Amino acid sequence: MLTAIIILFSLAAIFGLTLLTFVLRGKETPKGIVFLHGPIAATALILLIIYVVNNTVSPVPSMVLFIIAAIGGVILVIRDFTRKSVPKSLAVVHGLIAVTGLILLIMFVLK
């Protein structure tokens, strides 16, 4: 299950990096990629939460970081869809938090 979660988060990260390049250049984000990135990351997060709830030894710090990143992601997508400017700093921090969560998750699996 953790391998599938890592694959989903990694795929979401690739889409997220693509979106970040648009945000940093001040360009409109491709909505097709937005509609892939969010649901893939949300699916991975839900699976991770299920894993954490059902296992005594689990990657709780990773889950917490992904929840924080998800909150930032919701803010970003709401601003994007309401045609408000997307803060570049929030987009970067959102990505950094998610990548940190992914690294911690991979470290948990590899230990």
C-alpha atoms as a PDB file:
ATOM      1  CA  MET A   1       0.000   0.000   0.000  1.00  0.00           C
ATOM      2  CA  LEU A   2       2.817   2.407   0.848  1.00  0.00           C
ATOM      3  CA  THR A   3       4.413   1.804  -2.534  1.00  0.00           C
ATOM      4  CA  ALA A   4       1.180   2.799  -4.272  1.00  0.00           C
ATOM      5  CA  ILE A   5       0.950   5.896  -2.071  1.00  0.00           C
ATOM      6  CA  ILE A   6       4.523   6.888  -2.946  1.00  0.00           C
ATOM      7  CA  ILE A   7       3.817   6.393  -6.653  1.00  0.00           C
ATOM      8  CA  LEU A   8       0.668   8.537  -6.455  1.00  0.00           C
ATOM      9  CA  PHE A   9       2.413  11.309  -4.516  1.00  0.00           C
ATOM     10  CA  SER A  10       5.332  11.202  -6.968  1.00  0.00           C
ATOM     11  CA  LEU A  11       2.959  11.532  -9.907  1.00  0.00           C
ATOM     12  CA  ALA A  12       1.208  14.411  -8.155  1.00  0.00           C
ATOM     13  CA  ALA A  13       4.619  16.003  -7.569  1.00  0.00           C
ATOM     14  CA  ILE A  14       5.431  15.874 -11.278  1.00  0.00           C
ATOM     15  CA  PHE A  15       2.141  17.577 -12.117  1.00  0.00           C
ATOM     16  CA  GLY A  16       2.703  20.028  -9.251  1.00  0.00           C
ATOM     17  CA  LEU A  17       6.139  20.971 -10.528  1.00  0.00           C
ATOM     18  CA  THR A  18       4.631  21.625 -13.932  1.00  0.00           C
ATOM     19  CA  LEU A  19       1.983  23.853 -12.351  1.00  0.00           C
ATOM     20  CA  LEU A  20       4.630  25.663 -10.307  1.00  0.00           C
ATOM     21  CA  THR A  21       6.503  26.630 -13.477  1.00  0.00           C
ATOM     22  CA  PHE A  22       3.348  28.349 -14.738  1.00  0.00           C
ATOM     23  CA  VAL A  23       2.758  30.137 -11.423  1.00  0.00           C
ATOM     24  CA  LEU A  24       6.353  31.362 -11.194  1.00  0.00           C
ATOM     25  CA  ARG A  25       6.161  32.750 -14.731  1.00  0.00           C
ATOM     26  CA  GLY A  26       2.854  34.473 -13.979  1.00  0.00           C
ATOM     27  CA  LYS A  27       1.027  32.381 -16.579  1.00  0.00           C
ATOM     28  CA  GLU A  28      -2.417  30.836 -16.309  1.00  0.00           C
ATOM     29  CA  THR A  29      -2.254  27.263 -15.046  1.00  0.00           C
ATOM     30  CA  PRO A  30      -3.482  24.523 -17.392  1.00  0.00           C
ATOM     31  CA  LYS A  31      -6.719  23.373 -15.795  1.00  0.00           C
ATOM     32  CA  GLY A  32      -6.292  19.808 -17.067  1.00  0.00           C
ATOM     33  CA  ILE A  33      -3.124  19.486 -15.016  1.00  0.00           C
ATOM     34  CA  VAL A  34      -4.813  21.125 -12.016  1.00  0.00           C
ATOM     35  CA  PHE A  35      -7.615  18.555 -12.273  1.00  0.00           C
ATOM     36  CA  LEU A  36      -5.048  15.739 -12.314  1.00  0.00           C
ATOM     37  CA  HIS A  37      -2.712  17.041  -9.594  1.00  0.00           C
ATOM     38  CA  GLY A  38      -5.312  17.641  -6.878  1.00  0.00           C
ATOM     39  CA  PRO A  39      -7.314  14.410  -7.090  1.00  0.00           C
ATOM     40  CA  ILE A  40      -4.180  12.261  -7.396  1.00  0.00           C
ATOM     41  CA  ALA A  41      -2.645  13.905  -4.323  1.00  0.00           C
ATOM     42  CA  ALA A  42      -5.952  13.691  -2.442  1.00  0.00           C
ATOM     43  CA  THR A  43      -6.269   9.989  -3.242  1.00  0.00           C
ATOM     44  CA  ALA A  44      -2.737   9.370  -1.989  1.00  0.00           C
ATOM     45  CA  LEU A  45      -3.451  11.363   1.177  1.00  0.00           C
ATOM     46  CA  ILE A  46      -6.644   9.444   1.894  1.00  0.00           C
ATOM     47  CA  LEU A  47      -4.790   6.157   1.440  1.00  0.00           C
ATOM     48  CA  LEU A  48      -2.013   7.406   3.720  1.00  0.00           C
ATOM     49  CA  ILE A  49      -4.514   8.393   6.412  1.00  0.00           C
ATOM     50  CA  ILE A  50      -6.120   4.949   6.167  1.00  0.00           C
ATOM     51  CA  TYR A  51      -2.683   3.348   6.500  1.00  0.00           C
ATOM     52  CA  VAL A  52      -1.781   5.470   9.538  1.00  0.00           C
ATOM     53  CA  VAL A  53      -5.098   4.732  11.266  1.00  0.00           C
ATOM     54  CA  ASN A  54      -4.734   0.985  10.709  1.00  0.00           C
ATOM     55  CA  ASN A  55      -1.064   0.530  11.663  1.00  0.00           C
ATOM     56  CA  THR A  56       0.636   1.123  14.994  1.00  0.00           C
ATOM     57  CA  VAL A  57       3.978   1.909  13.360  1.00  0.00           C
ATOM     58  CA  SER A  58       3.210   4.488  10.706  1.00  0.00           C
ATOM     59  CA  PRO A  59       4.555   7.624   9.030  1.00  0.00           C
ATOM     60  CA  VAL A  60       2.585  10.171  11.061  1.00  0.00           C
ATOM     61  CA  PRO A  61       4.980  13.112  10.419  1.00  0.00           C
ATOM     62  CA  SER A  62       4.654  12.526   6.688  1.00  0.00           C
ATOM     63  CA  MET A  63       0.868  12.468   6.962  1.00  0.00           C
ATOM     64  CA  VAL A  64       0.842  15.724   8.942  1.00  0.00           C
ATOM     65  CA  LEU A  65       2.993  17.445   6.328  1.00  0.00           C
ATOM     66  CA  PHE A  66       0.759  16.219   3.517  1.00  0.00           C
ATOM     67  CA  ILE A  67      -2.322  17.508   5.353  1.00  0.00           C
ATOM     68  CA  ILE A  68      -0.683  20.922   5.733  1.00  0.00           C
ATOM     69  CA  ALA A  69       0.295  20.859   2.049  1.00  0.00           C
ATOM     70  CA  ALA A  70      -3.271  19.904   1.125  1.00  0.00           C
ATOM     71  CA  ILE A  71      -4.643  22.918   2.996  1.00  0.00           C
ATOM     72  CA  GLY A  72      -2.252  25.138   1.054  1.00  0.00           C
ATOM     73  CA  GLY A  73      -3.270  23.398  -2.161  1.00  0.00           C
ATOM     74  CA  VAL A  74      -6.946  24.061  -1.523  1.00  0.00           C
ATOM     75  CA  ILE A  75      -6.172  27.746  -0.983  1.00  0.00           C
ATOM     76  CA  LEU A  76      -4.150  27.822  -4.209  1.00  0.00           C
ATOM     77  CA  VAL A  77      -6.835  26.142  -6.306  1.00  0.00           C
ATOM     78  CA  ILE A  78      -9.593  28.384  -4.912  1.00  0.00           C
ATOM     79  CA  ARG A  79      -7.554  31.483  -5.746  1.00  0.00           C
ATOM     80  CA  ASP A  80      -6.784  30.085  -9.191  1.00  0.00           C
ATOM     81  CA  PHE A  81     -10.410  29.262 -10.020  1.00  0.00           C
ATOM     82  CA  THR A  82     -11.681  32.616  -8.730  1.00  0.00           C
ATOM     83  CA  ARG A  83      -9.098  34.316 -10.968  1.00  0.00           C
ATOM     84  CA  LYS A  84      -7.276  35.881  -8.022  1.00  0.00           C
ATOM     85  CA  SER A  85      -3.512  35.990  -8.154  1.00  0.00           C
ATOM     86  CA  VAL A  86      -1.820  32.881  -6.892  1.00  0.00           C
ATOM     87  CA  PRO A  87       0.900  33.869  -4.406  1.00  0.00           C
ATOM     88  CA  LYS A  88       4.185  32.514  -5.707  1.00  0.00           C
ATOM     89  CA  SER A  89       5.515  32.116  -2.182  1.00  0.00           C
ATOM     90  CA  LEU A  90       2.525  29.980  -1.147  1.00  0.00           C
ATOM     91  CA  ALA A  91       2.944  27.816  -4.246  1.00  0.00           C
ATOM     92  CA  VAL A  92       6.631  27.266  -3.459  1.00  0.00           C
ATOM     93  CA  VAL A  93       6.001  26.549   0.247  1.00  0.00           C
ATOM     94  CA  HIS A  94       3.137  24.183  -0.665  1.00  0.00           C
ATOM     95  CA  GLY A  95       5.503  22.223  -2.898  1.00  0.00           C
ATOM     96  CA  LEU A  96       8.352  22.195  -0.389  1.00  0.00           C
ATOM     97  CA  ILE A  97       6.107  20.892   2.378  1.00  0.00           C
ATOM     98  CA  ALA A  98       4.723  18.161   0.116  1.00  0.00           C
ATOM     99  CA  VAL A  99       8.188  17.122  -1.082  1.00  0.00           C
ATOM    100  CA  THR A 100       9.387  16.973   2.516  1.00  0.00           C
ATOM    101  CA  GLY A 101       6.418  14.749   3.333  1.00  0.00           C
ATOM    102  CA  LEU A 102       7.293  12.518   0.388  1.00  0.00           C
ATOM    103  CA  ILE A 103      10.932  12.262   1.442  1.00  0.00           C
ATOM    104  CA  LEU A 104       9.909  11.338   4.992  1.00  0.00           C
ATOM    105  CA  LEU A 105       7.511   8.741   3.611  1.00  0.00           C
ATOM    106  CA  ILE A 106      10.203   7.187   1.439  1.00  0.00           C
ATOM    107  CA  MET A 107      12.616   7.176   4.401  1.00  0.00           C
ATOM    108  CA  PHE A 108       9.947   5.431   6.505  1.00  0.00           C
ATOM    109  CA  VAL A 109       9.530   2.725   3.873  1.00  0.00           C
ATOM    110  CA  LEU A 110      13.259   2.226   3.420  1.00  0.00           C
ATOM    111  CA  LYS A 111      14.181   1.921   7.104  1.00  0.00           C
END
